[in-house]
């Protein structure tokens, strides 16, 4: 069922066992949700934009690449469900601003984009693009576009296209996202190489 040719990184690190596979998935999803929460809370507030700079995209890119589509979506849906229930898990959420009303605010489109990004990254990971820094970089650029497109469309719909939508929701994040992309693109293939060394 799990062959080396199409193995995800998480499957190489912790081989799925048929008798406990759901326990493994819940543990990994829980760790992924915790990673997303912590990453979202590491933020830089921009006074001119309703969208803060966070490590959330780094967490999404990593989870999508390492976990693949099914476990990645299971994880992101769990994260969104916890947020929907009113818990303070998003970048700017709080005891007063949370739940569905927050999710339909300025970051709503980006949250939707997270799901699209994980689907794309899981697909590329199954093609083994996560083992090559150049191919993974292309996959991560595609994933970033899938986050930004719905994010910007949502901002335009929410605040009006007469507002500086691109200046709010794209240009302040380009340098930071390139750095996060470079970190993910170099880290994951390196982990694959280390695993191959230990197995040989």
Protein backbone atom coordinates (compact mmCIF):
# COMPACT_ATOMS: atom_id res chain seq x y z
CA UNK A 1 0.00 0.00 0.00
CA UNK A 2 2.78 2.44 0.94
CA UNK A 3 5.61 2.24 -1.55
CA UNK A 4 8.77 4.24 -1.54
CA UNK A 5 7.97 5.65 -4.97
CA UNK A 6 4.93 7.60 -3.79
CA UNK A 7 5.54 7.80 -0.05
CA UNK A 8 4.79 11.00 1.82
CA UNK A 9 7.39 12.33 4.22
CA UNK A 10 5.19 11.66 7.25
CA UNK A 11 4.77 8.03 6.12
CA UNK A 12 8.55 7.66 5.92
CA UNK A 13 8.99 9.12 9.40
CA UNK A 14 6.13 7.16 11.00
CA UNK A 15 5.05 4.19 8.89
CA UNK A 16 1.25 3.77 8.94
CA UNK A 17 0.11 0.62 10.78
CA UNK A 18 -3.23 -0.76 9.66
CA UNK A 19 -4.35 -1.67 13.19
CA UNK A 20 -3.66 1.80 14.64
CA UNK A 21 -3.82 4.01 11.55
CA UNK A 22 -6.67 6.16 12.86
CA UNK A 23 -4.88 6.70 16.16
CA UNK A 24 -1.81 7.79 14.19
CA UNK A 25 -3.88 10.16 12.07
CA UNK A 26 -5.56 11.79 15.06
CA UNK A 27 -2.22 12.27 16.81
CA UNK A 28 -0.64 13.79 13.70
CA UNK A 29 -3.68 15.98 13.02
CA UNK A 30 -3.58 17.20 16.61
CA UNK A 31 0.09 18.08 16.30
CA UNK A 32 -0.62 19.82 13.00
CA UNK A 33 -3.44 21.89 14.52
CA UNK A 34 -1.13 22.89 17.39
CA UNK A 35 1.52 23.90 14.85
CA UNK A 36 -1.04 26.02 12.97
CA UNK A 37 -2.23 27.74 16.14
CA UNK A 38 1.28 28.60 17.31
CA UNK A 39 2.30 29.78 13.83
CA UNK A 40 -0.79 32.00 13.54
CA UNK A 41 -0.01 33.68 16.86
CA UNK A 42 3.54 34.57 15.84
CA UNK A 43 2.59 37.75 14.03
CA UNK A 44 3.45 41.27 13.05
CA UNK A 45 0.51 43.69 12.97
CA UNK A 46 0.49 46.10 10.04
CA UNK A 47 -1.28 49.38 10.87
CA UNK A 48 -2.26 49.92 7.23
CA UNK A 49 -3.64 46.42 6.53
CA UNK A 50 -6.43 44.22 7.98
CA UNK A 51 -4.17 41.18 7.40
CA UNK A 52 -1.18 40.60 9.74
CA UNK A 53 2.11 38.98 8.81
CA UNK A 54 2.25 35.55 10.49
CA UNK A 55 3.98 32.18 10.21
CA UNK A 56 0.61 30.67 9.27
CA UNK A 57 1.54 30.21 5.63
CA UNK A 58 4.78 28.48 6.64
CA UNK A 59 2.75 26.02 8.73
CA UNK A 60 0.29 25.40 5.89
CA UNK A 61 3.05 24.88 3.32
CA UNK A 62 4.83 22.45 5.62
CA UNK A 63 1.71 20.49 6.56
CA UNK A 64 0.52 20.25 2.96
CA UNK A 65 3.88 18.95 1.78
CA UNK A 66 4.60 16.59 4.68
CA UNK A 67 1.07 15.29 5.37
CA UNK A 68 -0.36 15.14 1.86
CA UNK A 69 -3.93 15.83 0.79
CA UNK A 70 -6.04 13.62 3.07
CA UNK A 71 -4.25 14.11 6.37
CA UNK A 72 -3.47 17.72 5.48
CA UNK A 73 -7.12 18.55 4.83
CA UNK A 74 -8.19 16.62 7.92
CA UNK A 75 -5.77 18.79 9.90
CA UNK A 76 -6.80 22.13 8.38
CA UNK A 77 -10.50 21.29 8.73
CA UNK A 78 -9.89 20.47 12.40
CA UNK A 79 -8.15 23.81 12.83
CA UNK A 80 -10.97 25.71 11.13
CA UNK A 81 -13.60 23.83 13.13
CA UNK A 82 -11.91 24.75 16.40
CA UNK A 83 -11.82 28.37 15.26
CA UNK A 84 -15.44 28.21 14.14
CA UNK A 85 -16.43 27.06 17.63
CA UNK A 86 -15.04 30.30 19.01
CA UNK A 87 -11.61 29.35 20.28
CA UNK A 88 -8.79 31.86 19.92
CA UNK A 89 -6.72 30.09 17.25
CA UNK A 90 -6.45 32.62 14.42
CA UNK A 91 -3.93 35.43 13.99
CA UNK A 92 -6.16 38.28 15.17
CA UNK A 93 -8.86 36.35 16.99
CA UNK A 94 -9.49 37.00 20.68
CA UNK A 95 -12.09 36.41 23.36
CA UNK A 96 -14.16 39.21 21.80
CA UNK A 97 -13.49 38.54 18.09
CA UNK A 98 -13.70 34.89 17.13
CA UNK A 99 -15.79 32.16 15.55
CA UNK A 100 -17.65 32.40 12.27
CA UNK A 101 -17.84 36.20 12.37
CA UNK A 102 -14.05 36.41 12.52
CA UNK A 103 -13.66 33.83 9.75
CA UNK A 104 -15.77 36.01 7.47
CA UNK A 105 -13.52 39.01 8.18
CA UNK A 106 -10.41 40.17 6.36
CA UNK A 107 -8.53 36.86 6.59
CA UNK A 108 -11.44 34.71 5.43
CA UNK A 109 -10.21 34.31 1.87
CA UNK A 110 -6.77 33.28 3.04
CA UNK A 111 -8.25 30.59 5.29
CA UNK A 112 -10.06 29.19 2.25
CA UNK A 113 -6.84 29.43 0.27
CA UNK A 114 -5.11 27.26 2.88
CA UNK A 115 -7.35 24.36 1.83
CA UNK A 116 -6.54 24.85 -1.87
CA UNK A 117 -2.82 25.06 -1.08
CA UNK A 118 -2.85 21.79 0.86
CA UNK A 119 -4.66 20.00 -1.98
CA UNK A 120 -2.05 21.20 -4.46
CA UNK A 121 0.94 20.44 -2.24
CA UNK A 122 -0.36 16.97 -1.44
CA UNK A 123 -0.66 16.29 -5.15
CA UNK A 124 2.89 17.46 -5.85
CA UNK A 125 4.24 15.49 -2.88
CA UNK A 126 2.75 12.29 -4.32
CA UNK A 127 4.74 13.06 -7.49
CA UNK A 128 7.88 13.21 -5.31
CA UNK A 129 8.38 16.92 -5.95
CA UNK A 130 9.04 17.33 -2.23
CA UNK A 131 12.39 15.54 -2.65
CA UNK A 132 13.86 18.12 -5.01
CA UNK A 133 14.44 21.72 -3.95
CA UNK A 134 13.67 23.18 -7.38
CA UNK A 135 10.49 21.19 -8.02
CA UNK A 136 9.31 21.84 -4.47
CA UNK A 137 9.94 25.57 -4.93
CA UNK A 138 7.62 25.55 -7.96
CA UNK A 139 4.98 23.64 -5.99
CA UNK A 140 5.23 26.12 -3.12
CA UNK A 141 4.86 29.10 -5.47
CA UNK A 142 1.69 27.52 -6.88
CA UNK A 143 0.44 26.94 -3.33
CA UNK A 144 1.12 30.56 -2.38
CA UNK A 145 -0.85 31.74 -5.39
CA UNK A 146 -3.74 29.51 -4.30
CA UNK A 147 -3.66 31.25 -0.92
CA UNK A 148 -3.38 34.78 -2.25
CA UNK A 149 -5.95 34.63 -5.05
CA UNK A 150 -8.98 33.86 -2.83
CA UNK A 151 -7.47 36.09 -0.13
CA UNK A 152 -7.34 39.13 -2.41
CA UNK A 153 -10.71 38.36 -4.01
CA UNK A 154 -12.26 38.18 -0.56
CA UNK A 155 -10.68 41.46 0.53
CA UNK A 156 -11.96 43.18 -2.60
CA UNK A 157 -15.46 41.83 -2.06
CA UNK A 158 -15.42 42.71 1.64
CA UNK A 159 -13.93 46.20 1.55
CA UNK A 160 -14.59 47.25 -2.05
CA UNK A 161 -12.35 47.33 -5.08
CA UNK A 162 -11.79 51.06 -4.63
CA UNK A 163 -9.52 50.20 -1.68
CA UNK A 164 -5.79 49.40 -2.04
CA UNK A 165 -6.41 45.65 -1.92
CA UNK A 166 -3.04 44.59 -3.34
CA UNK A 167 -1.20 46.95 -0.96
CA UNK A 168 -3.19 45.49 1.94
CA UNK A 169 -3.11 41.83 1.10
CA UNK A 170 -0.11 41.07 -1.09
CA UNK A 171 2.86 43.43 -1.34
CA UNK A 172 3.69 43.60 2.42
CA UNK A 173 3.99 39.81 2.53
CA UNK A 174 6.08 39.03 -0.55
CA UNK A 175 9.53 39.17 1.05
CA UNK A 176 8.45 37.24 4.14
CA UNK A 177 6.68 34.59 2.09
CA UNK A 178 9.73 34.14 -0.13
CA UNK A 179 11.80 33.50 2.98
CA UNK A 180 9.22 31.01 4.31
CA UNK A 181 9.09 29.35 0.90
CA UNK A 182 12.87 29.07 0.77
CA UNK A 183 12.97 27.57 4.26
CA UNK A 184 10.36 24.93 3.42
CA UNK A 185 11.90 24.18 0.01
CA UNK A 186 15.33 23.55 1.54
CA UNK A 187 14.27 21.85 4.78
CA UNK A 188 12.00 19.11 3.45
CA UNK A 189 14.34 17.70 0.76
CA UNK A 190 17.13 17.76 3.36
CA UNK A 191 15.01 15.65 5.72
CA UNK A 192 14.40 13.19 2.88
CA UNK A 193 18.16 12.90 2.31
CA UNK A 194 18.78 12.31 6.01
CA UNK A 195 16.14 9.58 6.09
CA UNK A 196 17.70 7.90 3.07
CA UNK A 197 21.10 7.98 4.77
CA UNK A 198 19.75 6.37 7.94
CA UNK A 199 17.98 3.65 5.96
CA UNK A 200 21.07 2.76 3.90
